Structure formats: C-alpha cells, structure tokens
Amino acid sequence: MSGLHRTPEFTGLPGAVAVSHLCVYDWPAADGVSGGTPHLHLTCSEAYVVTGGRGAVQTLTTSGYEVTPLESGTVAWFTPGTIHRLVNEDDLRITVLMQNNGLPEAGDAVLTLPPQYLTDPETYAAATLIPADAPEEEQERVARARRDLALEGYRALREADGPEPLAAFHRAAAALVRPRLAEWRERWRRGAEAAAAATGHQLDRLERGDTSHLGDALVRAEQPSAHGRFGMCGRLDVYKGTDQAR
C-alpha cells in the first residue's frame, strides 16, 4: 500500500476522546457543600457517565445557573464555556469523557479564581499548580486551597448583577491561554483533526472499492497509568495517552 494513500495515523481512543475515572472530592466547602473546583473549558466539551453514588453538577452560563442531578446511570454533558462545579452527596464516582484528547491537560481548563489571580499566566500558575514531587498531604492541601479560592470567584460570578462579570471572566480566561494556542492547535491536528481525517480517507477508499485499511485492524487495551491523582474535581485514575486534568 502506497504511503500516499495511507490513512493518517491516530492511535488514541475513538474520535480523540480522553477518558478518566473520577472519585469526586468529599471535602466540605464554606457553603457546606462537598465537591470539586469550579472551572470552565475553552475548547472541549465534557461528558459524565455516572458509575456510582449520588450528587449533582452546578453549572453557570450566560443563560443562568442550573443544577443537574447525578446518579448511577446518568449521562450528562456540556459544551465549552460552561462553568461547572461537581457536588458529592454520597460517594459520587464518574467516568469522564473529554473532547480533544491532549488539550484538557495542556491548560484548556481555567478555574474561577478571583480576578486578581487571572492577570497573567505566572500569577495564575502560582495559585493553581500542585507540586508533583510533594508529599501526598501537601498535594491535598494545595488542591483543597485552590478549590476554596476558585469557589470565592465562583460565588461572586453567581451573585453578580448583570452579564459583565461573567464576560470579564471569559476574557481573562482567553487571555491566560493565548500564549499556548499554537501548541494547542498542533495537539488538535495530531489528535481530533487526524481522527476525523482518518474517517474521511476510509470513506474515500470504500467509495473506490478499496478495503485495504480493514487489513490494518488492531485491538488495544490498557490499565490506568496513574491512580488517585489530585485533579480539579476529585481523585483521578488516568490512562497513558488519554490523560486529562480533572
């Protein structure tokens, strides 16, 4: 088979989807609600497949504030720009599916920190990064502190009078990630774009009566590459090549 006609190589999960298993934090916050860190994604839609327990996801968009109950068997999803906060009411466990494998862990998520922490990438990073080489107790302390800080900004956005504070947060989030957009575009080209292009090439082949790509079929399986990582919403089990910063 000529290299000219080969399907573009894509080795991730179907459609460049990222997957992880999430045990949502049971840490109570100042408002008495237990759960994760509110944030939004700038380019990636996200889906929850609830595998156990009970809780909810609070969301805030230009259309307003909503609460979506989550229980075993629920599938819930939302698009970029949705500020979301996971609430753990009883051992909430979720399999998380993320669009655009490679982008979530590259900084696509922005936490709802108060405005003074959104002024530049360095200030934001100082308030959000969890030191990978720190003891687990220190990682938990930092994860919980940034959760509580993000809740301050989140409450201000929820209680705001008029649309401007949310619009200002959107602008600040976009400014924070702008230096990384060239890197994101390259990740997208290698991932989601390549996956979509592969389907197009396969359709072209089938139209010509060419079934050679079916001879390249393969099967893959893997176990999580990391367990219990501190994410934004809870403790994560992640997979190599489909990692995501939840």
C-alpha atoms as a PDB file:
ATOM      1  CA  MET A   1       0.000   0.000   0.000  1.00  0.00           C
ATOM      2  CA  SER A   2       1.469   3.317  -1.068  1.00  0.00           C
ATOM      3  CA  GLY A   3       2.280   5.815   1.671  1.00  0.00           C
ATOM      4  CA  LEU A   4       0.437   8.383  -0.443  1.00  0.00           C
ATOM      5  CA  HIS A   5      -2.855   6.647   0.291  1.00  0.00           C
ATOM      6  CA  ARG A   6      -2.321   5.617   3.885  1.00  0.00           C
ATOM      7  CA  THR A   7      -4.895   6.694   6.435  1.00  0.00           C
ATOM      8  CA  PRO A   8      -3.432   9.391   8.747  1.00  0.00           C
ATOM      9  CA  GLU A   9      -2.195   7.634  11.852  1.00  0.00           C
ATOM     10  CA  PHE A  10      -4.165   8.178  15.041  1.00  0.00           C
ATOM     11  CA  THR A  11      -3.568   5.869  17.977  1.00  0.00           C
ATOM     12  CA  GLY A  12      -5.799   7.257  20.732  1.00  0.00           C
ATOM     13  CA  LEU A  13      -9.324   6.316  21.727  1.00  0.00           C
ATOM     14  CA  PRO A  14     -12.073   6.641  19.086  1.00  0.00           C
ATOM     15  CA  GLY A  15     -12.644  10.216  17.962  1.00  0.00           C
ATOM     16  CA  ALA A  16      -9.700  11.521  20.041  1.00  0.00           C
ATOM     17  CA  VAL A  17     -11.725  11.223  23.244  1.00  0.00           C
ATOM     18  CA  ALA A  18      -9.930  11.308  26.607  1.00  0.00           C
ATOM     19  CA  VAL A  19     -11.149   9.125  29.475  1.00  0.00           C
ATOM     20  CA  SER A  20     -10.540   9.018  33.217  1.00  0.00           C
ATOM     21  CA  HIS A  21     -12.232   7.650  36.328  1.00  0.00           C
ATOM     22  CA  LEU A  22     -13.108  10.232  38.964  1.00  0.00           C
ATOM     23  CA  CYS A  23     -13.945   9.939  42.651  1.00  0.00           C
ATOM     24  CA  VAL A  24     -15.351  13.385  43.442  1.00  0.00           C
ATOM     25  CA  TYR A  25     -13.881  15.149  46.468  1.00  0.00           C
ATOM     26  CA  ASP A  26     -15.906  14.849  49.674  1.00  0.00           C
ATOM     27  CA  TRP A  27     -14.286  17.940  51.185  1.00  0.00           C
ATOM     28  CA  PRO A  28     -16.924  20.354  52.558  1.00  0.00           C
ATOM     29  CA  ALA A  29     -16.628  23.963  51.440  1.00  0.00           C
ATOM     30  CA  ALA A  30     -17.558  27.195  53.203  1.00  0.00           C
ATOM     31  CA  ASP A  31     -21.133  26.905  51.915  1.00  0.00           C
ATOM     32  CA  GLY A  32     -21.481  23.420  53.439  1.00  0.00           C
ATOM     33  CA  VAL A  33     -21.416  21.697  50.041  1.00  0.00           C
ATOM     34  CA  SER A  34     -18.849  18.961  49.370  1.00  0.00           C
ATOM     35  CA  GLY A  35     -17.249  18.638  45.981  1.00  0.00           C
ATOM     36  CA  GLY A  36     -14.806  19.852  43.389  1.00  0.00           C
ATOM     37  CA  THR A  37     -13.325  23.001  41.925  1.00  0.00           C
ATOM     38  CA  PRO A  38     -15.485  25.159  39.629  1.00  0.00           C
ATOM     39  CA  HIS A  39     -13.936  25.864  36.231  1.00  0.00           C
ATOM     40  CA  LEU A  40     -14.675  26.022  32.521  1.00  0.00           C
ATOM     41  CA  HIS A  41     -13.122  24.619  29.350  1.00  0.00           C
ATOM     42  CA  LEU A  42     -12.373  26.883  26.414  1.00  0.00           C
ATOM     43  CA  THR A  43     -12.368  24.365  23.541  1.00  0.00           C
ATOM     44  CA  CYS A  44     -13.519  20.991  24.892  1.00  0.00           C
ATOM     45  CA  SER A  45     -16.966  19.548  25.528  1.00  0.00           C
ATOM     46  CA  GLU A  46     -17.175  17.188  28.501  1.00  0.00           C
ATOM     47  CA  ALA A  47     -19.410  14.252  29.409  1.00  0.00           C
ATOM     48  CA  TYR A  48     -20.064  12.465  32.694  1.00  0.00           C
ATOM     49  CA  VAL A  49     -21.062   8.803  32.854  1.00  0.00           C
ATOM     50  CA  VAL A  50     -22.072   8.264  36.480  1.00  0.00           C
ATOM     51  CA  THR A  51     -20.955   4.836  37.692  1.00  0.00           C
ATOM     52  CA  GLY A  52     -21.859   5.092  41.367  1.00  0.00           C
ATOM     53  CA  GLY A  53     -23.054   7.245  44.209  1.00  0.00           C
ATOM     54  CA  ARG A  54     -25.095  10.394  44.022  1.00  0.00           C
ATOM     55  CA  GLY A  55     -24.544  14.118  43.588  1.00  0.00           C
ATOM     56  CA  ALA A  56     -25.036  16.942  41.124  1.00  0.00           C
ATOM     57  CA  VAL A  57     -23.260  19.320  38.809  1.00  0.00           C
ATOM     58  CA  GLN A  58     -23.859  23.033  39.260  1.00  0.00           C
ATOM     59  CA  THR A  59     -23.455  24.991  36.021  1.00  0.00           C
ATOM     60  CA  LEU A  60     -23.249  28.675  35.206  1.00  0.00           C
ATOM     61  CA  THR A  61     -23.532  30.055  31.663  1.00  0.00           C
ATOM     62  CA  THR A  62     -24.831  33.227  30.041  1.00  0.00           C
ATOM     63  CA  SER A  63     -28.252  31.543  30.253  1.00  0.00           C
ATOM     64  CA  GLY A  64     -28.037  31.372  34.048  1.00  0.00           C
ATOM     65  CA  TYR A  65     -27.417  28.967  36.914  1.00  0.00           C
ATOM     66  CA  GLU A  66     -28.637  25.355  36.857  1.00  0.00           C
ATOM     67  CA  VAL A  67     -28.276  22.192  38.938  1.00  0.00           C
ATOM     68  CA  THR A  68     -28.297  18.798  37.196  1.00  0.00           C
ATOM     69  CA  PRO A  69     -28.756  15.767  39.497  1.00  0.00           C
ATOM     70  CA  LEU A  70     -26.288  12.922  39.016  1.00  0.00           C
ATOM     71  CA  GLU A  71     -26.906   9.296  39.966  1.00  0.00           C
ATOM     72  CA  SER A  72     -25.752   5.912  38.723  1.00  0.00           C
ATOM     73  CA  GLY A  73     -26.600   5.555  35.042  1.00  0.00           C
ATOM     74  CA  THR A  74     -26.866   9.287  34.310  1.00  0.00           C
ATOM     75  CA  VAL A  75     -25.027  10.630  31.274  1.00  0.00           C
ATOM     76  CA  ALA A  76     -24.653  14.416  31.348  1.00  0.00           C
ATOM     77  CA  TRP A  77     -22.589  16.667  29.105  1.00  0.00           C
ATOM     78  CA  PHE A  78     -21.913  20.312  28.365  1.00  0.00           C
ATOM     79  CA  THR A  79     -20.067  22.484  25.887  1.00  0.00           C
ATOM     80  CA  PRO A  80     -17.102  24.893  26.206  1.00  0.00           C
ATOM     81  CA  GLY A  81     -17.820  27.977  28.297  1.00  0.00           C
ATOM     82  CA  THR A  82     -19.916  26.128  30.886  1.00  0.00           C
ATOM     83  CA  ILE A  83     -18.648  26.866  34.389  1.00  0.00           C
ATOM     84  CA  HIS A  84     -19.235  23.643  36.313  1.00  0.00           C
ATOM     85  CA  ARG A  85     -18.881  22.521  39.917  1.00  0.00           C
ATOM     86  CA  LEU A  86     -19.283  18.869  40.874  1.00  0.00           C
ATOM     87  CA  VAL A  87     -21.154  18.203  44.133  1.00  0.00           C
ATOM     88  CA  ASN A  88     -20.635  14.950  46.041  1.00  0.00           C
ATOM     89  CA  GLU A  89     -23.681  13.943  48.072  1.00  0.00           C
ATOM     90  CA  ASP A  90     -22.866  10.242  48.534  1.00  0.00           C
ATOM     91  CA  ASP A  91     -19.653   8.680  47.150  1.00  0.00           C
ATOM     92  CA  LEU A  92     -20.076  10.130  43.637  1.00  0.00           C
ATOM     93  CA  ARG A  93     -17.995   8.274  41.050  1.00  0.00           C
ATOM     94  CA  ILE A  94     -17.850   9.189  37.379  1.00  0.00           C
ATOM     95  CA  THR A  95     -16.185   8.101  34.162  1.00  0.00           C
ATOM     96  CA  VAL A  96     -15.270  11.353  32.443  1.00  0.00           C
ATOM     97  CA  LEU A  97     -15.090  11.696  28.667  1.00  0.00           C
ATOM     98  CA  MET A  98     -13.366  14.763  27.235  1.00  0.00           C
ATOM     99  CA  GLN A  99     -13.283  16.048  23.679  1.00  0.00           C
ATOM    100  CA  ASN A 100      -9.915  16.803  22.049  1.00  0.00           C
ATOM    101  CA  ASN A 101      -7.535  14.455  23.824  1.00  0.00           C
ATOM    102  CA  GLY A 102      -4.385  16.426  24.611  1.00  0.00           C
ATOM    103  CA  LEU A 103      -5.982  19.817  25.176  1.00  0.00           C
ATOM    104  CA  PRO A 104      -7.539  19.425  28.662  1.00  0.00           C
ATOM    105  CA  GLU A 105      -4.195  18.585  30.269  1.00  0.00           C
ATOM    106  CA  ALA A 106      -2.497  21.351  28.230  1.00  0.00           C
ATOM    107  CA  GLY A 107      -4.401  24.046  30.099  1.00  0.00           C
ATOM    108  CA  ASP A 108      -7.808  24.130  28.391  1.00  0.00           C
ATOM    109  CA  ALA A 109      -9.463  24.362  31.827  1.00  0.00           C
ATOM    110  CA  VAL A 110      -9.442  27.685  33.706  1.00  0.00           C
ATOM    111  CA  LEU A 111     -10.508  27.843  37.351  1.00  0.00           C
ATOM    112  CA  THR A 112     -12.895  30.548  38.533  1.00  0.00           C
ATOM    113  CA  LEU A 113     -10.323  32.307  40.696  1.00  0.00           C
ATOM    114  CA  PRO A 114     -10.957  35.894  41.834  1.00  0.00           C
ATOM    115  CA  PRO A 115      -9.889  38.442  39.182  1.00  0.00           C
ATOM    116  CA  GLN A 116      -6.580  39.346  40.844  1.00  0.00           C
ATOM    117  CA  TYR A 117      -5.313  35.806  40.178  1.00  0.00           C
ATOM    118  CA  LEU A 118      -6.228  35.909  36.462  1.00  0.00           C
ATOM    119  CA  THR A 119      -3.974  38.800  35.451  1.00  0.00           C
ATOM    120  CA  ASP A 120      -1.170  36.740  33.866  1.00  0.00           C
ATOM    121  CA  PRO A 121      -0.118  33.080  33.442  1.00  0.00           C
ATOM    122  CA  GLU A 122       2.528  33.247  36.182  1.00  0.00           C
ATOM    123  CA  THR A 123       0.139  34.570  38.838  1.00  0.00           C
ATOM    124  CA  TYR A 124      -2.490  32.020  37.843  1.00  0.00           C
ATOM    125  CA  ALA A 125       0.007  29.137  37.906  1.00  0.00           C
ATOM    126  CA  ALA A 126       1.282  30.091  41.359  1.00  0.00           C
ATOM    127  CA  ALA A 127      -2.266  29.765  42.702  1.00  0.00           C
ATOM    128  CA  THR A 128      -3.210  26.538  40.918  1.00  0.00           C
ATOM    129  CA  LEU A 129      -0.257  24.229  40.329  1.00  0.00           C
ATOM    130  CA  ILE A 130       0.033  21.155  42.563  1.00  0.00           C
ATOM    131  CA  PRO A 131       3.715  20.209  43.070  1.00  0.00           C
ATOM    132  CA  ALA A 132       4.083  16.716  41.620  1.00  0.00           C
ATOM    133  CA  ASP A 133       7.057  15.842  43.838  1.00  0.00           C
ATOM    134  CA  ALA A 134       5.432  16.977  47.109  1.00  0.00           C
ATOM    135  CA  PRO A 135       4.153  14.510  49.733  1.00  0.00           C
ATOM    136  CA  GLU A 136       0.532  13.478  49.323  1.00  0.00           C
ATOM    137  CA  GLU A 137      -0.524  15.523  52.346  1.00  0.00           C
ATOM    138  CA  GLU A 138       0.912  18.681  50.768  1.00  0.00           C
ATOM    139  CA  GLN A 139      -0.692  17.924  47.397  1.00  0.00           C
ATOM    140  CA  GLU A 140      -4.050  17.524  49.131  1.00  0.00           C
ATOM    141  CA  ARG A 141      -3.579  20.813  50.989  1.00  0.00           C
ATOM    142  CA  VAL A 142      -2.815  22.680  47.754  1.00  0.00           C
ATOM    143  CA  ALA A 143      -5.695  21.011  45.881  1.00  0.00           C
ATOM    144  CA  ARG A 144      -8.127  21.947  48.620  1.00  0.00           C
ATOM    145  CA  ALA A 145      -6.806  25.512  48.894  1.00  0.00           C
ATOM    146  CA  ARG A 146      -7.166  26.165  45.185  1.00  0.00           C
ATOM    147  CA  ARG A 147     -10.667  24.641  45.277  1.00  0.00           C
ATOM    148  CA  ASP A 148     -11.665  27.066  48.025  1.00  0.00           C
ATOM    149  CA  LEU A 149     -10.077  30.002  46.180  1.00  0.00           C
ATOM    150  CA  ALA A 150     -11.958  29.113  42.987  1.00  0.00           C
ATOM    151  CA  LEU A 151     -15.193  28.955  44.987  1.00  0.00           C
ATOM    152  CA  GLU A 152     -14.667  32.581  46.031  1.00  0.00           C
ATOM    153  CA  GLY A 153     -14.622  33.663  42.400  1.00  0.00           C
ATOM    154  CA  TYR A 154     -17.459  31.309  41.527  1.00  0.00           C
ATOM    155  CA  ARG A 155     -19.746  32.722  44.214  1.00  0.00           C
ATOM    156  CA  ALA A 156     -19.012  36.248  43.001  1.00  0.00           C
ATOM    157  CA  LEU A 157     -19.963  35.262  39.450  1.00  0.00           C
ATOM    158  CA  ARG A 158     -23.163  33.576  40.624  1.00  0.00           C
ATOM    159  CA  GLU A 159     -24.189  36.594  42.671  1.00  0.00           C
ATOM    160  CA  ALA A 160     -23.214  39.177  40.059  1.00  0.00           C
ATOM    161  CA  ASP A 161     -25.719  41.755  38.932  1.00  0.00           C
ATOM    162  CA  GLY A 162     -25.696  41.668  35.124  1.00  0.00           C
ATOM    163  CA  PRO A 163     -23.645  39.820  32.498  1.00  0.00           C
ATOM    164  CA  GLU A 164     -20.407  41.818  32.601  1.00  0.00           C
ATOM    165  CA  PRO A 165     -18.588  39.916  35.407  1.00  0.00           C
ATOM    166  CA  LEU A 166     -19.044  36.607  33.556  1.00  0.00           C
ATOM    167  CA  ALA A 167     -17.979  38.199  30.273  1.00  0.00           C
ATOM    168  CA  ALA A 168     -14.912  39.632  32.039  1.00  0.00           C
ATOM    169  CA  PHE A 169     -14.022  36.166  33.336  1.00  0.00           C
ATOM    170  CA  HIS A 170     -14.324  34.777  29.795  1.00  0.00           C
ATOM    171  CA  ARG A 171     -11.953  37.462  28.504  1.00  0.00           C
ATOM    172  CA  ALA A 172      -9.455  36.836  31.302  1.00  0.00           C
ATOM    173  CA  ALA A 173      -9.535  33.080  30.700  1.00  0.00           C
ATOM    174  CA  ALA A 174      -8.916  33.566  26.986  1.00  0.00           C
ATOM    175  CA  ALA A 175      -6.017  35.937  27.673  1.00  0.00           C
ATOM    176  CA  LEU A 176      -4.417  33.437  30.059  1.00  0.00           C
ATOM    177  CA  VAL A 177      -4.263  30.667  27.445  1.00  0.00           C
ATOM    178  CA  ARG A 178      -3.434  32.791  24.388  1.00  0.00           C
ATOM    179  CA  PRO A 179       0.343  32.102  24.608  1.00  0.00           C
ATOM    180  CA  ARG A 180      -0.404  28.355  24.322  1.00  0.00           C
ATOM    181  CA  LEU A 181      -2.767  28.393  21.355  1.00  0.00           C
ATOM    182  CA  ALA A 182      -0.123  27.398  18.783  1.00  0.00           C
ATOM    183  CA  GLU A 183       0.740  24.353  20.915  1.00  0.00           C
ATOM    184  CA  TRP A 184      -2.966  23.522  21.305  1.00  0.00           C
ATOM    185  CA  ARG A 185      -3.512  23.738  17.565  1.00  0.00           C
ATOM    186  CA  GLU A 186      -0.687  21.261  16.966  1.00  0.00           C
ATOM    187  CA  ARG A 187      -2.120  18.856  19.566  1.00  0.00           C
ATOM    188  CA  TRP A 188      -5.525  19.157  17.884  1.00  0.00           C
ATOM    189  CA  ARG A 189      -4.033  18.442  14.476  1.00  0.00           C
ATOM    190  CA  ARG A 190      -2.330  15.298  15.771  1.00  0.00           C
ATOM    191  CA  GLY A 191      -5.450  14.217  17.672  1.00  0.00           C
ATOM    192  CA  ALA A 192      -9.023  15.184  16.874  1.00  0.00           C
ATOM    193  CA  GLU A 193      -8.313  16.502  13.380  1.00  0.00           C
ATOM    194  CA  ALA A 194      -6.294  13.394  12.469  1.00  0.00           C
ATOM    195  CA  ALA A 195      -9.054  11.132  13.806  1.00  0.00           C
ATOM    196  CA  ALA A 196     -11.694  12.886  11.697  1.00  0.00           C
ATOM    197  CA  ALA A 197      -9.424  12.876   8.639  1.00  0.00           C
ATOM    198  CA  ALA A 198      -8.908   9.115   9.017  1.00  0.00           C
ATOM    199  CA  THR A 199     -12.642   8.549   8.642  1.00  0.00           C
ATOM    200  CA  GLY A 200     -12.675  10.702   5.513  1.00  0.00           C
ATOM    201  CA  HIS A 201      -9.845   8.672   3.972  1.00  0.00           C
ATOM    202  CA  GLN A 202     -11.627   5.431   4.827  1.00  0.00           C
ATOM    203  CA  LEU A 203     -14.804   6.669   3.143  1.00  0.00           C
ATOM    204  CA  ASP A 204     -12.752   7.609   0.072  1.00  0.00           C
ATOM    205  CA  ARG A 205     -11.274   4.108  -0.041  1.00  0.00           C
ATOM    206  CA  LEU A 206     -14.614   2.390   0.313  1.00  0.00           C
ATOM    207  CA  GLU A 207     -16.011   4.546  -2.485  1.00  0.00           C
ATOM    208  CA  ARG A 208     -13.207   3.215  -4.720  1.00  0.00           C
ATOM    209  CA  GLY A 209     -13.863  -0.349  -3.579  1.00  0.00           C
ATOM    210  CA  ASP A 210     -10.563  -0.346  -1.667  1.00  0.00           C
ATOM    211  CA  THR A 211     -10.818  -2.334   1.588  1.00  0.00           C
ATOM    212  CA  SER A 212      -7.100  -2.451   2.346  1.00  0.00           C
ATOM    213  CA  HIS A 213      -7.455  -0.424   5.546  1.00  0.00           C
ATOM    214  CA  LEU A 214      -9.534  -3.245   7.034  1.00  0.00           C
ATOM    215  CA  GLY A 215      -6.426  -5.400   6.932  1.00  0.00           C
ATOM    216  CA  ASP A 216      -4.739  -2.987   9.332  1.00  0.00           C
ATOM    217  CA  ALA A 217      -7.286  -3.681  12.098  1.00  0.00           C
ATOM    218  CA  LEU A 218      -5.925  -3.908  15.636  1.00  0.00           C
ATOM    219  CA  VAL A 219      -7.090  -4.307  19.231  1.00  0.00           C
ATOM    220  CA  ARG A 220      -5.673  -2.460  22.227  1.00  0.00           C
ATOM    221  CA  ALA A 221      -6.313  -2.476  25.946  1.00  0.00           C
ATOM    222  CA  GLU A 222      -4.634  -0.843  28.913  1.00  0.00           C
ATOM    223  CA  GLN A 223      -4.938  -0.301  32.628  1.00  0.00           C
ATOM    224  CA  PRO A 224      -4.732   3.133  34.264  1.00  0.00           C
ATOM    225  CA  SER A 225      -1.237   4.569  34.244  1.00  0.00           C
ATOM    226  CA  ALA A 226      -1.843   6.536  37.462  1.00  0.00           C
ATOM    227  CA  HIS A 227      -4.254   6.092  40.359  1.00  0.00           C
ATOM    228  CA  GLY A 228      -5.639   8.644  42.787  1.00  0.00           C
ATOM    229  CA  ARG A 229      -4.088  11.728  41.224  1.00  0.00           C
ATOM    230  CA  PHE A 230      -5.330  15.024  42.681  1.00  0.00           C
ATOM    231  CA  GLY A 231      -7.436  16.673  39.979  1.00  0.00           C
ATOM    232  CA  MET A 232      -9.699  19.687  39.957  1.00  0.00           C
ATOM    233  CA  CYS A 233     -12.864  17.747  40.796  1.00  0.00           C
ATOM    234  CA  GLY A 234     -11.561  14.711  42.670  1.00  0.00           C
ATOM    235  CA  ARG A 235      -9.096  11.833  42.750  1.00  0.00           C
ATOM    236  CA  LEU A 236      -8.326  10.542  39.256  1.00  0.00           C
ATOM    237  CA  ASP A 237      -7.356   7.273  37.639  1.00  0.00           C
ATOM    238  CA  VAL A 238      -5.903   8.215  34.254  1.00  0.00           C
ATOM    239  CA  TYR A 239      -4.690   6.392  31.147  1.00  0.00           C
ATOM    240  CA  LYS A 240      -1.480   6.978  29.237  1.00  0.00           C
ATOM    241  CA  GLY A 241      -2.252   8.879  26.056  1.00  0.00           C
ATOM    242  CA  THR A 242      -5.737   9.883  27.204  1.00  0.00           C
ATOM    243  CA  ASP A 243      -4.717  11.867  30.253  1.00  0.00           C
ATOM    244  CA  GLN A 244      -6.786  14.794  31.459  1.00  0.00           C
ATOM    245  CA  ALA A 245      -6.600  17.260  34.288  1.00  0.00           C
ATOM    246  CA  ARG A 246      -9.916  16.809  36.072  1.00  0.00           C
END
